Amino acid sequence: MVSATFLDEVYVVLMEHLQLHAIFRGHVQGVGFRWTVVDYAEKFHLMGTTKNLSDGTVEVYAQGSKESLESFLEAVQKDSGLARIESVIAEYKKPNSQYSNFRIVY
């Protein structure tokens, strides 16, 4: 039998607020990709930012539950509009600051 304390701890881990840092490589600038990222972030109730980097990649910082972040990342990769993603580098960690919305940084 599984104890209630164990289940409470599992729930806390699953619902823990995390930050995703992702770099998207490929044909991701000049095709509305950041707007696609914003749309998915809003759909999954995430907070954070997305911006073009000088090397032609797009950077994303997103905060939310691990489940929401994973679903967001999967959705963006599956349907990225006119963008063509060649690779994604993604890491999860505890956030060191809080965002109040999701926006494009120029």
N, C-alpha and C. Protein backbone atom coordinates (compact mmCIF):
# COMPACT_ATOMS: atom_id res chain seq x y z
N MET A 1 0.84 -1.18 0.00
CA MET A 1 0.00 0.00 0.00
C MET A 1 0.89 1.25 0.00
N VAL A 2 0.52 2.24 -0.76
CA VAL A 2 1.28 3.49 -0.86
C VAL A 2 0.74 4.47 0.18
N SER A 3 1.64 5.10 0.91
CA SER A 3 1.22 6.02 1.97
C SER A 3 0.76 7.35 1.39
N ALA A 4 -0.09 8.04 2.11
CA ALA A 4 -0.58 9.35 1.68
C ALA A 4 0.57 10.35 1.61
N THR A 5 1.54 10.24 2.52
CA THR A 5 2.69 11.14 2.50
C THR A 5 3.48 10.98 1.21
N PHE A 6 3.69 9.75 0.79
CA PHE A 6 4.41 9.49 -0.45
C PHE A 6 3.66 10.10 -1.63
N LEU A 7 2.35 9.91 -1.68
CA LEU A 7 1.55 10.47 -2.78
C LEU A 7 1.60 11.99 -2.77
N ASP A 8 1.58 12.60 -1.59
CA ASP A 8 1.70 14.06 -1.49
C ASP A 8 3.03 14.53 -2.04
N GLU A 9 4.11 13.81 -1.75
CA GLU A 9 5.43 14.17 -2.24
C GLU A 9 5.50 14.03 -3.76
N VAL A 10 4.91 12.98 -4.29
CA VAL A 10 4.88 12.79 -5.75
C VAL A 10 4.11 13.93 -6.40
N TYR A 11 2.98 14.32 -5.82
CA TYR A 11 2.19 15.42 -6.36
C TYR A 11 2.98 16.72 -6.37
N VAL A 12 3.71 17.00 -5.31
CA VAL A 12 4.51 18.22 -5.24
C VAL A 12 5.57 18.22 -6.33
N VAL A 13 6.24 17.09 -6.54
CA VAL A 13 7.26 17.00 -7.58
C VAL A 13 6.63 17.23 -8.96
N LEU A 14 5.48 16.63 -9.22
CA LEU A 14 4.82 16.77 -10.51
C LEU A 14 4.35 18.20 -10.75
N MET A 15 3.92 18.88 -9.72
CA MET A 15 3.36 20.22 -9.87
C MET A 15 4.39 21.32 -9.63
N GLU A 16 5.63 20.94 -9.38
CA GLU A 16 6.68 21.90 -9.08
C GLU A 16 6.85 22.89 -10.24
N HIS A 17 7.01 24.11 -9.89
CA HIS A 17 7.21 25.18 -10.86
C HIS A 17 8.66 25.14 -11.34
N LEU A 18 8.86 24.97 -12.64
CA LEU A 18 10.19 24.88 -13.22
C LEU A 18 10.36 25.92 -14.32
N GLN A 19 11.60 26.09 -14.73
CA GLN A 19 11.91 26.97 -15.86
C GLN A 19 12.56 26.15 -16.97
N LEU A 20 12.06 26.34 -18.17
CA LEU A 20 12.64 25.74 -19.36
C LEU A 20 13.48 26.79 -20.06
N HIS A 21 14.70 26.44 -20.40
CA HIS A 21 15.53 27.29 -21.26
C HIS A 21 15.77 26.47 -22.52
N ALA A 22 15.33 27.00 -23.67
CA ALA A 22 15.46 26.26 -24.93
C ALA A 22 16.03 27.16 -26.01
N ILE A 23 16.86 26.57 -26.86
CA ILE A 23 17.41 27.24 -28.04
C ILE A 23 16.96 26.44 -29.25
N PHE A 24 16.26 27.11 -30.16
CA PHE A 24 15.77 26.49 -31.39
C PHE A 24 16.68 26.89 -32.53
N ARG A 25 17.19 25.90 -33.28
CA ARG A 25 18.05 26.14 -34.44
C ARG A 25 17.32 25.71 -35.70
N GLY A 26 17.64 26.38 -36.79
CA GLY A 26 17.04 26.07 -38.08
C GLY A 26 16.57 27.36 -38.73
N HIS A 27 15.55 27.24 -39.56
CA HIS A 27 14.95 28.43 -40.19
C HIS A 27 13.85 28.92 -39.26
N VAL A 28 14.27 29.67 -38.22
CA VAL A 28 13.34 30.07 -37.15
C VAL A 28 13.19 31.58 -36.99
N GLN A 29 13.91 32.35 -37.78
CA GLN A 29 13.78 33.80 -37.71
C GLN A 29 13.15 34.31 -39.01
N GLY A 30 12.33 35.35 -38.87
CA GLY A 30 11.70 35.96 -40.04
C GLY A 30 10.51 35.19 -40.58
N VAL A 31 10.00 34.23 -39.80
CA VAL A 31 8.87 33.40 -40.25
C VAL A 31 7.72 33.36 -39.25
N GLY A 32 7.73 34.26 -38.26
CA GLY A 32 6.67 34.30 -37.26
C GLY A 32 6.79 33.26 -36.16
N PHE A 33 7.96 32.65 -36.04
CA PHE A 33 8.13 31.58 -35.05
C PHE A 33 7.93 32.07 -33.63
N ARG A 34 8.41 33.25 -33.30
CA ARG A 34 8.24 33.75 -31.92
C ARG A 34 6.77 33.93 -31.58
N TRP A 35 5.95 34.33 -32.55
CA TRP A 35 4.50 34.46 -32.32
C TRP A 35 3.87 33.09 -32.08
N THR A 36 4.36 32.08 -32.79
CA THR A 36 3.90 30.71 -32.56
C THR A 36 4.23 30.28 -31.14
N VAL A 37 5.45 30.60 -30.70
CA VAL A 37 5.87 30.29 -29.34
C VAL A 37 4.95 30.97 -28.33
N VAL A 38 4.65 32.24 -28.54
CA VAL A 38 3.76 32.98 -27.63
C VAL A 38 2.38 32.32 -27.58
N ASP A 39 1.83 31.95 -28.75
CA ASP A 39 0.51 31.31 -28.78
C ASP A 39 0.49 30.02 -27.97
N TYR A 40 1.51 29.18 -28.15
CA TYR A 40 1.57 27.93 -27.38
C TYR A 40 1.80 28.20 -25.90
N ALA A 41 2.62 29.17 -25.58
CA ALA A 41 2.86 29.50 -24.17
C ALA A 41 1.55 29.91 -23.49
N GLU A 42 0.76 30.71 -24.18
CA GLU A 42 -0.53 31.11 -23.61
C GLU A 42 -1.47 29.92 -23.48
N LYS A 43 -1.46 29.03 -24.46
CA LYS A 43 -2.31 27.84 -24.42
C LYS A 43 -1.98 26.97 -23.20
N PHE A 44 -0.70 26.87 -22.86
CA PHE A 44 -0.27 26.03 -21.75
C PHE A 44 -0.07 26.82 -20.45
N HIS A 45 -0.52 28.09 -20.44
CA HIS A 45 -0.49 28.94 -19.24
C HIS A 45 0.92 29.11 -18.68
N LEU A 46 1.86 29.38 -19.58
CA LEU A 46 3.26 29.58 -19.19
C LEU A 46 3.59 31.06 -19.14
N MET A 47 4.61 31.39 -18.39
CA MET A 47 5.14 32.75 -18.31
C MET A 47 6.58 32.71 -18.80
N GLY A 48 7.05 33.82 -19.42
CA GLY A 48 8.44 33.85 -19.85
C GLY A 48 8.67 34.78 -21.02
N THR A 49 9.71 34.47 -21.79
CA THR A 49 10.10 35.33 -22.92
C THR A 49 10.62 34.48 -24.07
N THR A 50 10.60 35.08 -25.25
CA THR A 50 11.25 34.50 -26.42
C THR A 50 11.92 35.63 -27.18
N LYS A 51 13.08 35.35 -27.76
CA LYS A 51 13.77 36.38 -28.53
C LYS A 51 14.69 35.77 -29.58
N ASN A 52 14.91 36.55 -30.64
CA ASN A 52 15.88 36.18 -31.65
C ASN A 52 17.28 36.45 -31.12
N LEU A 53 18.19 35.54 -31.38
CA LEU A 53 19.59 35.75 -31.03
C LEU A 53 20.38 36.07 -32.30
N SER A 54 21.52 36.70 -32.13
CA SER A 54 22.32 37.17 -33.27
C SER A 54 22.86 36.05 -34.14
N ASP A 55 22.90 34.82 -33.61
CA ASP A 55 23.42 33.69 -34.39
C ASP A 55 22.34 33.00 -35.23
N GLY A 56 21.13 33.58 -35.28
CA GLY A 56 20.05 33.02 -36.09
C GLY A 56 19.13 32.05 -35.35
N THR A 57 19.39 31.82 -34.08
CA THR A 57 18.55 30.94 -33.28
C THR A 57 17.47 31.75 -32.56
N VAL A 58 16.54 31.03 -31.95
CA VAL A 58 15.52 31.66 -31.10
C VAL A 58 15.64 31.05 -29.71
N GLU A 59 15.68 31.93 -28.71
CA GLU A 59 15.80 31.52 -27.31
C GLU A 59 14.46 31.64 -26.63
N VAL A 60 14.14 30.68 -25.78
CA VAL A 60 12.90 30.68 -25.01
C VAL A 60 13.22 30.42 -23.55
N TYR A 61 12.67 31.26 -22.68
CA TYR A 61 12.60 30.99 -21.25
C TYR A 61 11.12 30.87 -20.93
N ALA A 62 10.72 29.74 -20.36
CA ALA A 62 9.31 29.53 -20.02
C ALA A 62 9.22 28.91 -18.64
N GLN A 63 8.22 29.34 -17.88
CA GLN A 63 8.03 28.84 -16.52
C GLN A 63 6.64 28.26 -16.37
N GLY A 64 6.57 27.14 -15.65
CA GLY A 64 5.30 26.48 -15.37
C GLY A 64 5.57 25.10 -14.80
N SER A 65 4.55 24.27 -14.79
CA SER A 65 4.74 22.89 -14.31
C SER A 65 5.54 22.11 -15.34
N LYS A 66 6.22 21.09 -14.88
CA LYS A 66 7.02 20.27 -15.81
C LYS A 66 6.13 19.69 -16.91
N GLU A 67 4.95 19.24 -16.54
CA GLU A 67 4.02 18.67 -17.52
C GLU A 67 3.65 19.71 -18.59
N SER A 68 3.34 20.93 -18.17
CA SER A 68 2.98 21.98 -19.12
C SER A 68 4.17 22.36 -20.01
N LEU A 69 5.35 22.44 -19.42
CA LEU A 69 6.54 22.77 -20.19
C LEU A 69 6.86 21.70 -21.23
N GLU A 70 6.73 20.44 -20.85
CA GLU A 70 6.98 19.35 -21.79
C GLU A 70 5.95 19.35 -22.92
N SER A 71 4.68 19.58 -22.58
CA SER A 71 3.62 19.64 -23.59
C SER A 71 3.85 20.81 -24.54
N PHE A 72 4.25 21.95 -23.99
CA PHE A 72 4.56 23.14 -24.79
C PHE A 72 5.69 22.84 -25.77
N LEU A 73 6.78 22.27 -25.28
CA LEU A 73 7.94 21.98 -26.13
C LEU A 73 7.56 21.00 -27.24
N GLU A 74 6.79 19.99 -26.91
CA GLU A 74 6.34 19.02 -27.91
C GLU A 74 5.45 19.69 -28.96
N ALA A 75 4.54 20.54 -28.53
CA ALA A 75 3.62 21.21 -29.46
C ALA A 75 4.37 22.15 -30.40
N VAL A 76 5.31 22.91 -29.87
CA VAL A 76 6.08 23.84 -30.70
C VAL A 76 6.87 23.08 -31.75
N GLN A 77 7.45 21.95 -31.37
CA GLN A 77 8.23 21.17 -32.32
C GLN A 77 7.35 20.48 -33.37
N LYS A 78 6.15 20.09 -32.97
CA LYS A 78 5.25 19.38 -33.87
C LYS A 78 4.65 20.32 -34.91
N ASP A 79 4.26 21.53 -34.50
CA ASP A 79 3.62 22.48 -35.41
C ASP A 79 4.23 23.86 -35.18
N SER A 80 5.28 24.16 -35.92
CA SER A 80 6.00 25.42 -35.74
C SER A 80 5.68 26.44 -36.83
N GLY A 81 4.53 26.28 -37.47
CA GLY A 81 4.15 27.23 -38.51
C GLY A 81 5.08 27.13 -39.70
N LEU A 82 5.56 28.29 -40.17
CA LEU A 82 6.46 28.33 -41.31
C LEU A 82 7.92 28.04 -40.95
N ALA A 83 8.20 27.98 -39.68
CA ALA A 83 9.57 27.69 -39.23
C ALA A 83 9.93 26.24 -39.53
N ARG A 84 11.21 26.01 -39.68
CA ARG A 84 11.74 24.65 -39.86
C ARG A 84 12.82 24.43 -38.80
N ILE A 85 12.44 23.71 -37.76
CA ILE A 85 13.36 23.47 -36.64
C ILE A 85 14.27 22.31 -36.98
N GLU A 86 15.58 22.56 -36.89
CA GLU A 86 16.57 21.51 -37.12
C GLU A 86 16.97 20.82 -35.82
N SER A 87 17.06 21.59 -34.74
CA SER A 87 17.42 21.02 -33.44
C SER A 87 16.96 21.93 -32.32
N VAL A 88 16.84 21.33 -31.14
CA VAL A 88 16.46 22.07 -29.94
C VAL A 88 17.37 21.61 -28.81
N ILE A 89 17.91 22.57 -28.11
CA ILE A 89 18.64 22.29 -26.87
C ILE A 89 17.75 22.80 -25.75
N ALA A 90 17.38 21.92 -24.83
CA ALA A 90 16.45 22.30 -23.77
C ALA A 90 16.97 21.80 -22.43
N GLU A 91 16.81 22.65 -21.42
CA GLU A 91 17.15 22.24 -20.05
C GLU A 91 16.11 22.80 -19.09
N TYR A 92 15.87 22.04 -18.03
CA TYR A 92 14.91 22.43 -17.00
C TYR A 92 15.68 22.70 -15.71
N LYS A 93 15.26 23.74 -15.01
CA LYS A 93 15.84 24.02 -13.70
C LYS A 93 14.85 24.81 -12.87
N LYS A 94 15.18 24.99 -11.61
CA LYS A 94 14.33 25.83 -10.76
C LYS A 94 14.50 27.28 -11.18
N PRO A 95 13.40 28.02 -11.27
CA PRO A 95 13.52 29.42 -11.69
C PRO A 95 14.21 30.27 -10.62
N ASN A 96 14.99 31.25 -11.09
CA ASN A 96 15.63 32.17 -10.15
C ASN A 96 14.95 33.53 -10.16
N SER A 97 13.93 33.68 -11.01
CA SER A 97 13.10 34.88 -11.04
C SER A 97 11.73 34.49 -11.55
N GLN A 98 10.78 35.40 -11.44
CA GLN A 98 9.41 35.13 -11.85
C GLN A 98 9.02 36.05 -13.00
N TYR A 99 8.33 35.52 -13.99
CA TYR A 99 7.75 36.32 -15.06
C TYR A 99 6.27 36.52 -14.78
N SER A 100 5.72 37.63 -15.23
CA SER A 100 4.30 37.91 -15.00
C SER A 100 3.44 37.68 -16.24
N ASN A 101 4.09 37.41 -17.38
CA ASN A 101 3.37 37.14 -18.62
C ASN A 101 4.33 36.41 -19.57
N PHE A 102 3.89 36.20 -20.80
CA PHE A 102 4.80 35.65 -21.81
C PHE A 102 4.87 36.66 -22.94
N ARG A 103 6.11 37.06 -23.29
CA ARG A 103 6.25 38.12 -24.27
C ARG A 103 7.48 37.92 -25.15
N ILE A 104 7.45 38.62 -26.26
CA ILE A 104 8.60 38.66 -27.17
C ILE A 104 9.52 39.78 -26.71
N VAL A 105 10.80 39.48 -26.63
CA VAL A 105 11.81 40.47 -26.29
C VAL A 105 12.48 40.89 -27.60
N TYR A 106 12.53 42.19 -27.83
CA TYR A 106 13.13 42.71 -29.05
C TYR A 106 14.52 43.26 -28.78
